[in-house]
mmCIF file of all heavy atoms, coordinates in Angstrom:
data_MODEL
# 
_entry.id   MODEL 
# 
loop_
_atom_site.group_PDB 
_atom_site.id 
_atom_site.type_symbol 
_atom_site.label_atom_id 
_atom_site.label_alt_id 
_atom_site.label_comp_id 
_atom_site.label_asym_id 
_atom_site.label_entity_id 
_atom_site.label_seq_id 
_atom_site.pdbx_PDB_ins_code 
_atom_site.Cartn_x 
_atom_site.Cartn_y 
_atom_site.Cartn_z 
_atom_site.occupancy 
_atom_site.B_iso_or_equiv 
_atom_site.pdbx_formal_charge 
_atom_site.auth_seq_id 
_atom_site.auth_comp_id 
_atom_site.auth_asym_id 
_atom_site.auth_atom_id 
_atom_site.pdbx_PDB_model_num 
ATOM 1   N N   . PRO A 1 1  ? -21.660 -15.537 -7.146  1.00 0.00 ? 1  PRO A N   1 
ATOM 2   C CA  . PRO A 1 1  ? -20.614 -14.859 -7.904  1.00 0.00 ? 1  PRO A CA  1 
ATOM 3   C C   . PRO A 1 1  ? -20.360 -15.611 -9.218  1.00 0.00 ? 1  PRO A C   1 
ATOM 4   O O   . PRO A 1 1  ? -20.794 -16.756 -9.371  1.00 0.00 ? 1  PRO A O   1 
ATOM 5   C CB  . PRO A 1 1  ? -19.401 -15.000 -6.982  1.00 0.00 ? 1  PRO A CB  1 
ATOM 6   C CG  . PRO A 1 1  ? -19.615 -16.344 -6.343  1.00 0.00 ? 1  PRO A CG  1 
ATOM 7   C CD  . PRO A 1 1  ? -21.118 -16.467 -6.160  1.00 0.00 ? 1  PRO A CD  1 
ATOM 8   N N   . PRO A 1 2  ? -19.645 -14.990 -10.155 1.00 0.00 ? 2  PRO A N   1 
ATOM 9   C CA  . PRO A 1 2  ? -19.254 -15.739 -11.352 1.00 0.00 ? 2  PRO A CA  1 
ATOM 10  C C   . PRO A 1 2  ? -18.164 -16.752 -10.999 1.00 0.00 ? 2  PRO A C   1 
ATOM 11  O O   . PRO A 1 2  ? -17.615 -16.728 -9.892  1.00 0.00 ? 2  PRO A O   1 
ATOM 12  C CB  . PRO A 1 2  ? -18.725 -14.649 -12.284 1.00 0.00 ? 2  PRO A CB  1 
ATOM 13  C CG  . PRO A 1 2  ? -18.271 -13.562 -11.376 1.00 0.00 ? 2  PRO A CG  1 
ATOM 14  C CD  . PRO A 1 2  ? -19.199 -13.614 -10.188 1.00 0.00 ? 2  PRO A CD  1 
ATOM 15  N N   . ASP A 1 3  ? -17.843 -17.612 -11.939 1.00 0.00 ? 3  ASP A N   1 
ATOM 16  C CA  . ASP A 1 3  ? -16.784 -18.600 -11.716 1.00 0.00 ? 3  ASP A CA  1 
ATOM 17  C C   . ASP A 1 3  ? -15.417 -18.002 -12.060 1.00 0.00 ? 3  ASP A C   1 
ATOM 18  O O   . ASP A 1 3  ? -15.286 -16.797 -12.297 1.00 0.00 ? 3  ASP A O   1 
ATOM 19  C CB  . ASP A 1 3  ? -17.074 -19.887 -12.492 1.00 0.00 ? 3  ASP A CB  1 
ATOM 20  C CG  . ASP A 1 3  ? -16.987 -19.732 -14.010 1.00 0.00 ? 3  ASP A CG  1 
ATOM 21  O OD1 . ASP A 1 3  ? -16.596 -18.644 -14.502 1.00 0.00 ? 3  ASP A OD1 1 
ATOM 22  O OD2 . ASP A 1 3  ? -17.307 -20.695 -14.717 1.00 0.00 ? 3  ASP A OD2 1 
ATOM 23  N N   . GLN A 1 4  ? -14.412 -18.868 -12.110 1.00 0.00 ? 4  GLN A N   1 
ATOM 24  C CA  . GLN A 1 4  ? -13.036 -18.433 -12.308 1.00 0.00 ? 4  GLN A CA  1 
ATOM 25  C C   . GLN A 1 4  ? -12.806 -17.741 -13.648 1.00 0.00 ? 4  GLN A C   1 
ATOM 26  O O   . GLN A 1 4  ? -11.844 -16.997 -13.800 1.00 0.00 ? 4  GLN A O   1 
ATOM 27  C CB  . GLN A 1 4  ? -12.065 -19.616 -12.160 1.00 0.00 ? 4  GLN A CB  1 
ATOM 28  C CG  . GLN A 1 4  ? -12.046 -20.595 -13.321 1.00 0.00 ? 4  GLN A CG  1 
ATOM 29  C CD  . GLN A 1 4  ? -13.228 -21.543 -13.380 1.00 0.00 ? 4  GLN A CD  1 
ATOM 30  O OE1 . GLN A 1 4  ? -14.046 -21.582 -12.471 1.00 0.00 ? 4  GLN A OE1 1 
ATOM 31  N NE2 . GLN A 1 4  ? -13.319 -22.318 -14.442 1.00 0.00 ? 4  GLN A NE2 1 
ATOM 32  N N   . THR A 1 5  ? -13.688 -17.933 -14.607 1.00 0.00 ? 5  THR A N   1 
ATOM 33  C CA  . THR A 1 5  ? -13.508 -17.273 -15.905 1.00 0.00 ? 5  THR A CA  1 
ATOM 34  C C   . THR A 1 5  ? -13.708 -15.770 -15.794 1.00 0.00 ? 5  THR A C   1 
ATOM 35  O O   . THR A 1 5  ? -13.389 -15.039 -16.728 1.00 0.00 ? 5  THR A O   1 
ATOM 36  C CB  . THR A 1 5  ? -14.454 -17.847 -16.978 1.00 0.00 ? 5  THR A CB  1 
ATOM 37  O OG1 . THR A 1 5  ? -15.808 -17.586 -16.598 1.00 0.00 ? 5  THR A OG1 1 
ATOM 38  C CG2 . THR A 1 5  ? -14.231 -19.338 -17.171 1.00 0.00 ? 5  THR A CG2 1 
ATOM 39  N N   . ARG A 1 6  ? -14.245 -15.309 -14.677 1.00 0.00 ? 6  ARG A N   1 
ATOM 40  C CA  . ARG A 1 6  ? -14.452 -13.879 -14.441 1.00 0.00 ? 6  ARG A CA  1 
ATOM 41  C C   . ARG A 1 6  ? -13.714 -13.421 -13.177 1.00 0.00 ? 6  ARG A C   1 
ATOM 42  O O   . ARG A 1 6  ? -14.127 -12.499 -12.501 1.00 0.00 ? 6  ARG A O   1 
ATOM 43  C CB  . ARG A 1 6  ? -15.957 -13.568 -14.294 1.00 0.00 ? 6  ARG A CB  1 
ATOM 44  C CG  . ARG A 1 6  ? -16.783 -13.953 -15.498 1.00 0.00 ? 6  ARG A CG  1 
ATOM 45  C CD  . ARG A 1 6  ? -16.435 -13.079 -16.704 1.00 0.00 ? 6  ARG A CD  1 
ATOM 46  N NE  . ARG A 1 6  ? -17.217 -13.461 -17.859 1.00 0.00 ? 6  ARG A NE  1 
ATOM 47  C CZ  . ARG A 1 6  ? -16.826 -14.311 -18.802 1.00 0.00 ? 6  ARG A CZ  1 
ATOM 48  N NH1 . ARG A 1 6  ? -15.639 -14.882 -18.732 1.00 0.00 ? 6  ARG A NH1 1 
ATOM 49  N NH2 . ARG A 1 6  ? -17.597 -14.585 -19.825 1.00 0.00 ? 6  ARG A NH2 1 
ATOM 50  N N   . SER A 1 7  ? -12.606 -14.071 -12.867 1.00 0.00 ? 7  SER A N   1 
ATOM 51  C CA  . SER A 1 7  ? -11.875 -13.734 -11.642 1.00 0.00 ? 7  SER A CA  1 
ATOM 52  C C   . SER A 1 7  ? -11.384 -12.288 -11.641 1.00 0.00 ? 7  SER A C   1 
ATOM 53  O O   . SER A 1 7  ? -11.267 -11.679 -10.577 1.00 0.00 ? 7  SER A O   1 
ATOM 54  C CB  . SER A 1 7  ? -10.715 -14.702 -11.418 1.00 0.00 ? 7  SER A CB  1 
ATOM 55  O OG  . SER A 1 7  ? -9.805  -14.632 -12.503 1.00 0.00 ? 7  SER A OG  1 
ATOM 56  N N   . ALA A 1 8  ? -11.126 -11.714 -12.797 1.00 0.00 ? 8  ALA A N   1 
ATOM 57  C CA  . ALA A 1 8  ? -10.664 -10.323 -12.862 1.00 0.00 ? 8  ALA A CA  1 
ATOM 58  C C   . ALA A 1 8  ? -11.736 -9.332  -12.427 1.00 0.00 ? 8  ALA A C   1 
ATOM 59  O O   . ALA A 1 8  ? -11.437 -8.173  -12.152 1.00 0.00 ? 8  ALA A O   1 
ATOM 60  C CB  . ALA A 1 8  ? -10.193 -9.990  -14.276 1.00 0.00 ? 8  ALA A CB  1 
ATOM 61  N N   . SER A 1 9  ? -12.980 -9.766  -12.304 1.00 0.00 ? 9  SER A N   1 
ATOM 62  C CA  . SER A 1 9  ? -14.080 -8.887  -11.897 1.00 0.00 ? 9  SER A CA  1 
ATOM 63  C C   . SER A 1 9  ? -13.997 -8.490  -10.417 1.00 0.00 ? 9  SER A C   1 
ATOM 64  O O   . SER A 1 9  ? -14.759 -7.636  -9.978  1.00 0.00 ? 9  SER A O   1 
ATOM 65  C CB  . SER A 1 9  ? -15.426 -9.574  -12.149 1.00 0.00 ? 9  SER A CB  1 
ATOM 66  O OG  . SER A 1 9  ? -15.612 -10.645 -11.227 1.00 0.00 ? 9  SER A OG  1 
ATOM 67  N N   . ARG A 1 10 ? -13.142 -9.143  -9.682  1.00 0.00 ? 10 ARG A N   1 
ATOM 68  C CA  . ARG A 1 10 ? -12.996 -8.955  -8.232  1.00 0.00 ? 10 ARG A CA  1 
ATOM 69  C C   . ARG A 1 10 ? -14.192 -9.517  -7.463  1.00 0.00 ? 10 ARG A C   1 
ATOM 70  O O   . ARG A 1 10 ? -14.406 -9.211  -6.297  1.00 0.00 ? 10 ARG A O   1 
ATOM 71  C CB  . ARG A 1 10 ? -12.736 -7.493  -7.877  1.00 0.00 ? 10 ARG A CB  1 
ATOM 72  C CG  . ARG A 1 10 ? -11.421 -6.975  -8.482  1.00 0.00 ? 10 ARG A CG  1 
ATOM 73  C CD  . ARG A 1 10 ? -11.151 -5.533  -8.218  1.00 0.00 ? 10 ARG A CD  1 
ATOM 74  N NE  . ARG A 1 10 ? -10.674 -5.337  -6.842  1.00 0.00 ? 10 ARG A NE  1 
ATOM 75  C CZ  . ARG A 1 10 ? -10.384 -4.138  -6.357  1.00 0.00 ? 10 ARG A CZ  1 
ATOM 76  N NH1 . ARG A 1 10 ? -10.511 -3.061  -7.094  1.00 0.00 ? 10 ARG A NH1 1 
ATOM 77  N NH2 . ARG A 1 10 ? -9.965  -4.019  -5.110  1.00 0.00 ? 10 ARG A NH2 1 
ATOM 78  N N   . ALA A 1 11 ? -14.976 -10.354 -8.130  1.00 0.00 ? 11 ALA A N   1 
ATOM 79  C CA  . ALA A 1 11 ? -16.126 -10.968 -7.474  1.00 0.00 ? 11 ALA A CA  1 
ATOM 80  C C   . ALA A 1 11 ? -15.706 -11.879 -6.325  1.00 0.00 ? 11 ALA A C   1 
ATOM 81  O O   . ALA A 1 11 ? -16.425 -12.001 -5.339  1.00 0.00 ? 11 ALA A O   1 
ATOM 82  C CB  . ALA A 1 11 ? -16.961 -11.744 -8.489  1.00 0.00 ? 11 ALA A CB  1 
ATOM 83  N N   . GLY A 1 12 ? -14.547 -12.526 -6.442  1.00 0.00 ? 12 GLY A N   1 
ATOM 84  C CA  . GLY A 1 12 ? -14.057 -13.346 -5.345  1.00 0.00 ? 12 GLY A CA  1 
ATOM 85  C C   . GLY A 1 12 ? -13.805 -12.502 -4.106  1.00 0.00 ? 12 GLY A C   1 
ATOM 86  O O   . GLY A 1 12 ? -14.177 -12.866 -2.994  1.00 0.00 ? 12 GLY A O   1 
ATOM 87  N N   . GLU A 1 13 ? -13.188 -11.341 -4.316  1.00 0.00 ? 13 GLU A N   1 
ATOM 88  C CA  . GLU A 1 13 ? -12.919 -10.408 -3.218  1.00 0.00 ? 13 GLU A CA  1 
ATOM 89  C C   . GLU A 1 13 ? -14.230 -9.924  -2.594  1.00 0.00 ? 13 GLU A C   1 
ATOM 90  O O   . GLU A 1 13 ? -14.362 -9.864  -1.366  1.00 0.00 ? 13 GLU A O   1 
ATOM 91  C CB  . GLU A 1 13 ? -12.119 -9.231  -3.783  1.00 0.00 ? 13 GLU A CB  1 
ATOM 92  C CG  . GLU A 1 13 ? -11.591 -8.268  -2.789  1.00 0.00 ? 13 GLU A CG  1 
ATOM 93  C CD  . GLU A 1 13 ? -10.752 -7.163  -3.432  1.00 0.00 ? 13 GLU A CD  1 
ATOM 94  O OE1 . GLU A 1 13 ? -10.419 -7.237  -4.625  1.00 0.00 ? 13 GLU A OE1 1 
ATOM 95  O OE2 . GLU A 1 13 ? -10.448 -6.201  -2.708  1.00 0.00 ? 13 GLU A OE2 1 
ATOM 96  N N   . LEU A 1 14 ? -15.207 -9.582  -3.426  1.00 0.00 ? 14 LEU A N   1 
ATOM 97  C CA  . LEU A 1 14 ? -16.502 -9.124  -2.922  1.00 0.00 ? 14 LEU A CA  1 
ATOM 98  C C   . LEU A 1 14 ? -17.229 -10.235 -2.155  1.00 0.00 ? 14 LEU A C   1 
ATOM 99  O O   . LEU A 1 14 ? -17.848 -9.982  -1.120  1.00 0.00 ? 14 LEU A O   1 
ATOM 100 C CB  . LEU A 1 14 ? -17.373 -8.608  -4.063  1.00 0.00 ? 14 LEU A CB  1 
ATOM 101 C CG  . LEU A 1 14 ? -16.900 -7.314  -4.722  1.00 0.00 ? 14 LEU A CG  1 
ATOM 102 C CD1 . LEU A 1 14 ? -17.674 -7.052  -6.004  1.00 0.00 ? 14 LEU A CD1 1 
ATOM 103 C CD2 . LEU A 1 14 ? -17.022 -6.144  -3.760  1.00 0.00 ? 14 LEU A CD2 1 
ATOM 104 N N   . THR A 1 15 ? -17.161 -11.447 -2.662  1.00 0.00 ? 15 THR A N   1 
ATOM 105 C CA  . THR A 1 15 ? -17.814 -12.575 -1.990  1.00 0.00 ? 15 THR A CA  1 
ATOM 106 C C   . THR A 1 15 ? -17.181 -12.810 -0.620  1.00 0.00 ? 15 THR A C   1 
ATOM 107 O O   . THR A 1 15 ? -17.886 -13.053 0.362   1.00 0.00 ? 15 THR A O   1 
ATOM 108 C CB  . THR A 1 15 ? -17.749 -13.840 -2.863  1.00 0.00 ? 15 THR A CB  1 
ATOM 109 O OG1 . THR A 1 15 ? -18.319 -13.550 -4.147  1.00 0.00 ? 15 THR A OG1 1 
ATOM 110 C CG2 . THR A 1 15 ? -18.515 -14.995 -2.239  1.00 0.00 ? 15 THR A CG2 1 
ATOM 111 N N   . CYS A 1 16 ? -15.855 -12.706 -0.536  1.00 0.00 ? 16 CYS A N   1 
ATOM 112 C CA  . CYS A 1 16 ? -15.162 -12.832 0.761   1.00 0.00 ? 16 CYS A CA  1 
ATOM 113 C C   . CYS A 1 16 ? -15.604 -11.728 1.715   1.00 0.00 ? 16 CYS A C   1 
ATOM 114 O O   . CYS A 1 16 ? -15.819 -11.985 2.906   1.00 0.00 ? 16 CYS A O   1 
ATOM 115 C CB  . CYS A 1 16 ? -13.653 -12.768 0.562   1.00 0.00 ? 16 CYS A CB  1 
ATOM 116 S SG  . CYS A 1 16 ? -12.951 -14.263 -0.126  1.00 0.00 ? 16 CYS A SG  1 
ATOM 117 N N   . LEU A 1 17 ? -15.758 -10.513 1.199   1.00 0.00 ? 17 LEU A N   1 
ATOM 118 C CA  . LEU A 1 17 ? -16.228 -9.412  2.042   1.00 0.00 ? 17 LEU A CA  1 
ATOM 119 C C   . LEU A 1 17 ? -17.638 -9.679  2.555   1.00 0.00 ? 17 LEU A C   1 
ATOM 120 O O   . LEU A 1 17 ? -17.944 -9.395  3.716   1.00 0.00 ? 17 LEU A O   1 
ATOM 121 C CB  . LEU A 1 17 ? -16.178 -8.091  1.277   1.00 0.00 ? 17 LEU A CB  1 
ATOM 122 C CG  . LEU A 1 17 ? -14.787 -7.527  0.990   1.00 0.00 ? 17 LEU A CG  1 
ATOM 123 C CD1 . LEU A 1 17 ? -14.879 -6.345  0.025   1.00 0.00 ? 17 LEU A CD1 1 
ATOM 124 C CD2 . LEU A 1 17 ? -14.087 -7.123  2.278   1.00 0.00 ? 17 LEU A CD2 1 
ATOM 125 N N   . ALA A 1 18 ? -18.498 -10.233 1.698   1.00 0.00 ? 18 ALA A N   1 
ATOM 126 C CA  . ALA A 1 18 ? -19.862 -10.575 2.124   1.00 0.00 ? 18 ALA A CA  1 
ATOM 127 C C   . ALA A 1 18 ? -19.824 -11.642 3.212   1.00 0.00 ? 18 ALA A C   1 
ATOM 128 O O   . ALA A 1 18 ? -20.563 -11.565 4.202   1.00 0.00 ? 18 ALA A O   1 
ATOM 129 C CB  . ALA A 1 18 ? -20.683 -11.051 0.927   1.00 0.00 ? 18 ALA A CB  1 
ATOM 130 N N   . TRP A 1 19 ? -18.954 -12.624 3.059   1.00 0.00 ? 19 TRP A N   1 
ATOM 131 C CA  . TRP A 1 19 ? -18.811 -13.690 4.059   1.00 0.00 ? 19 TRP A CA  1 
ATOM 132 C C   . TRP A 1 19 ? -18.339 -13.110 5.394   1.00 0.00 ? 19 TRP A C   1 
ATOM 133 O O   . TRP A 1 19 ? -18.872 -13.442 6.453   1.00 0.00 ? 19 TRP A O   1 
ATOM 134 C CB  . TRP A 1 19 ? -17.841 -14.750 3.539   1.00 0.00 ? 19 TRP A CB  1 
ATOM 135 C CG  . TRP A 1 19 ? -17.427 -15.775 4.545   1.00 0.00 ? 19 TRP A CG  1 
ATOM 136 C CD1 . TRP A 1 19 ? -18.228 -16.653 5.219   1.00 0.00 ? 19 TRP A CD1 1 
ATOM 137 C CD2 . TRP A 1 19 ? -16.096 -16.024 4.986   1.00 0.00 ? 19 TRP A CD2 1 
ATOM 138 N NE1 . TRP A 1 19 ? -17.468 -17.442 6.049   1.00 0.00 ? 19 TRP A NE1 1 
ATOM 139 C CE2 . TRP A 1 19 ? -16.155 -17.072 5.919   1.00 0.00 ? 19 TRP A CE2 1 
ATOM 140 C CE3 . TRP A 1 19 ? -14.856 -15.475 4.673   1.00 0.00 ? 19 TRP A CE3 1 
ATOM 141 C CZ2 . TRP A 1 19 ? -15.030 -17.582 6.550   1.00 0.00 ? 19 TRP A CZ2 1 
ATOM 142 C CZ3 . TRP A 1 19 ? -13.737 -15.986 5.297   1.00 0.00 ? 19 TRP A CZ3 1 
ATOM 143 C CH2 . TRP A 1 19 ? -13.824 -17.025 6.227   1.00 0.00 ? 19 TRP A CH2 1 
ATOM 144 N N   . LYS A 1 20 ? -17.366 -12.211 5.351   1.00 0.00 ? 20 LYS A N   1 
ATOM 145 C CA  . LYS A 1 20 ? -16.868 -11.596 6.586   1.00 0.00 ? 20 LYS A CA  1 
ATOM 146 C C   . LYS A 1 20 ? -17.938 -10.701 7.224   1.00 0.00 ? 20 LYS A C   1 
ATOM 147 O O   . LYS A 1 20 ? -18.052 -10.642 8.438   1.00 0.00 ? 20 LYS A O   1 
ATOM 148 C CB  . LYS A 1 20 ? -15.588 -10.814 6.311   1.00 0.00 ? 20 LYS A CB  1 
ATOM 149 C CG  . LYS A 1 20 ? -14.417 -11.736 6.036   1.00 0.00 ? 20 LYS A CG  1 
ATOM 150 C CD  . LYS A 1 20 ? -13.166 -10.985 5.645   1.00 0.00 ? 20 LYS A CD  1 
ATOM 151 C CE  . LYS A 1 20 ? -12.057 -11.984 5.343   1.00 0.00 ? 20 LYS A CE  1 
ATOM 152 N NZ  . LYS A 1 20 ? -10.846 -11.342 4.845   1.00 0.00 ? 20 LYS A NZ  1 
ATOM 153 N N   . TYR A 1 21 ? -18.737 -10.037 6.408   1.00 0.00 ? 21 TYR A N   1 
ATOM 154 C CA  . TYR A 1 21 ? -19.788 -9.161  6.925   1.00 0.00 ? 21 TYR A CA  1 
ATOM 155 C C   . TYR A 1 21 ? -20.931 -9.971  7.550   1.00 0.00 ? 21 TYR A C   1 
ATOM 156 O O   . TYR A 1 21 ? -21.365 -9.683  8.659   1.00 0.00 ? 21 TYR A O   1 
ATOM 157 C CB  . TYR A 1 21 ? -20.332 -8.275  5.815   1.00 0.00 ? 21 TYR A CB  1 
ATOM 158 C CG  . TYR A 1 21 ? -21.408 -7.325  6.273   1.00 0.00 ? 21 TYR A CG  1 
ATOM 159 C CD1 . TYR A 1 21 ? -21.080 -6.131  6.904   1.00 0.00 ? 21 TYR A CD1 1 
ATOM 160 C CD2 . TYR A 1 21 ? -22.748 -7.624  6.089   1.00 0.00 ? 21 TYR A CD2 1 
ATOM 161 C CE1 . TYR A 1 21 ? -22.063 -5.254  7.344   1.00 0.00 ? 21 TYR A CE1 1 
ATOM 162 C CE2 . TYR A 1 21 ? -23.746 -6.759  6.531   1.00 0.00 ? 21 TYR A CE2 1 
ATOM 163 C CZ  . TYR A 1 21 ? -23.396 -5.582  7.160   1.00 0.00 ? 21 TYR A CZ  1 
ATOM 164 O OH  . TYR A 1 21 ? -24.378 -4.722  7.602   1.00 0.00 ? 21 TYR A OH  1 
ATOM 165 N N   . TYR A 1 22 ? -21.411 -10.980 6.825   1.00 0.00 ? 22 TYR A N   1 
ATOM 166 C CA  . TYR A 1 22 ? -22.571 -11.737 7.296   1.00 0.00 ? 22 TYR A CA  1 
ATOM 167 C C   . TYR A 1 22 ? -22.206 -12.907 8.206   1.00 0.00 ? 22 TYR A C   1 
ATOM 168 O O   . TYR A 1 22 ? -23.079 -13.448 8.887   1.00 0.00 ? 22 TYR A O   1 
ATOM 169 C CB  . TYR A 1 22 ? -23.400 -12.242 6.117   1.00 0.00 ? 22 TYR A CB  1 
ATOM 170 C CG  . TYR A 1 22 ? -24.210 -11.143 5.477   1.00 0.00 ? 22 TYR A CG  1 
ATOM 171 C CD1 . TYR A 1 22 ? -23.898 -10.673 4.213   1.00 0.00 ? 22 TYR A CD1 1 
ATOM 172 C CD2 . TYR A 1 22 ? -25.277 -10.560 6.152   1.00 0.00 ? 22 TYR A CD2 1 
ATOM 173 C CE1 . TYR A 1 22 ? -24.638 -9.640  3.633   1.00 0.00 ? 22 TYR A CE1 1 
ATOM 174 C CE2 . TYR A 1 22 ? -26.014 -9.529  5.588   1.00 0.00 ? 22 TYR A CE2 1 
ATOM 175 C CZ  . TYR A 1 22 ? -25.684 -9.084  4.326   1.00 0.00 ? 22 TYR A CZ  1 
ATOM 176 O OH  . TYR A 1 22 ? -26.414 -8.058  3.762   1.00 0.00 ? 22 TYR A OH  1 
ATOM 177 N N   . GLY A 1 23 ? -20.959 -13.335 8.206   1.00 0.00 ? 23 GLY A N   1 
ATOM 178 C CA  . GLY A 1 23 ? -20.556 -14.457 9.049   1.00 0.00 ? 23 GLY A CA  1 
ATOM 179 C C   . GLY A 1 23 ? -21.336 -15.713 8.712   1.00 0.00 ? 23 GLY A C   1 
ATOM 180 O O   . GLY A 1 23 ? -21.533 -16.033 7.537   1.00 0.00 ? 23 GLY A O   1 
ATOM 181 N N   . SER A 1 24 ? -21.825 -16.398 9.727   1.00 0.00 ? 24 SER A N   1 
ATOM 182 C CA  . SER A 1 24 ? -22.533 -17.670 9.503   1.00 0.00 ? 24 SER A CA  1 
ATOM 183 C C   . SER A 1 24 ? -23.878 -17.478 8.804   1.00 0.00 ? 24 SER A C   1 
ATOM 184 O O   . SER A 1 24 ? -24.476 -18.445 8.337   1.00 0.00 ? 24 SER A O   1 
ATOM 185 C CB  . SER A 1 24 ? -22.739 -18.405 10.828  1.00 0.00 ? 24 SER A CB  1 
ATOM 186 O OG  . SER A 1 24 ? -23.535 -17.628 11.696  1.00 0.00 ? 24 SER A OG  1 
ATOM 187 N N   . SER A 1 25 ? -24.344 -16.246 8.697   1.00 0.00 ? 25 SER A N   1 
ATOM 188 C CA  . SER A 1 25 ? -25.588 -15.999 7.955   1.00 0.00 ? 25 SER A CA  1 
ATOM 189 C C   . SER A 1 25 ? -25.389 -16.191 6.450   1.00 0.00 ? 25 SER A C   1 
ATOM 190 O O   . SER A 1 25 ? -26.344 -16.451 5.731   1.00 0.00 ? 25 SER A O   1 
ATOM 191 C CB  . SER A 1 25 ? -26.117 -14.590 8.214   1.00 0.00 ? 25 SER A CB  1 
ATOM 192 O OG  . SER A 1 25 ? -26.551 -14.482 9.549   1.00 0.00 ? 25 SER A OG  1 
# 
């Protein structure tokens, strides 16, 4: 994902969703 300079992109939210979807993968 991008860093904090692009936090408005919702990339943090998407990355969290990917983590919840893939779990330990």
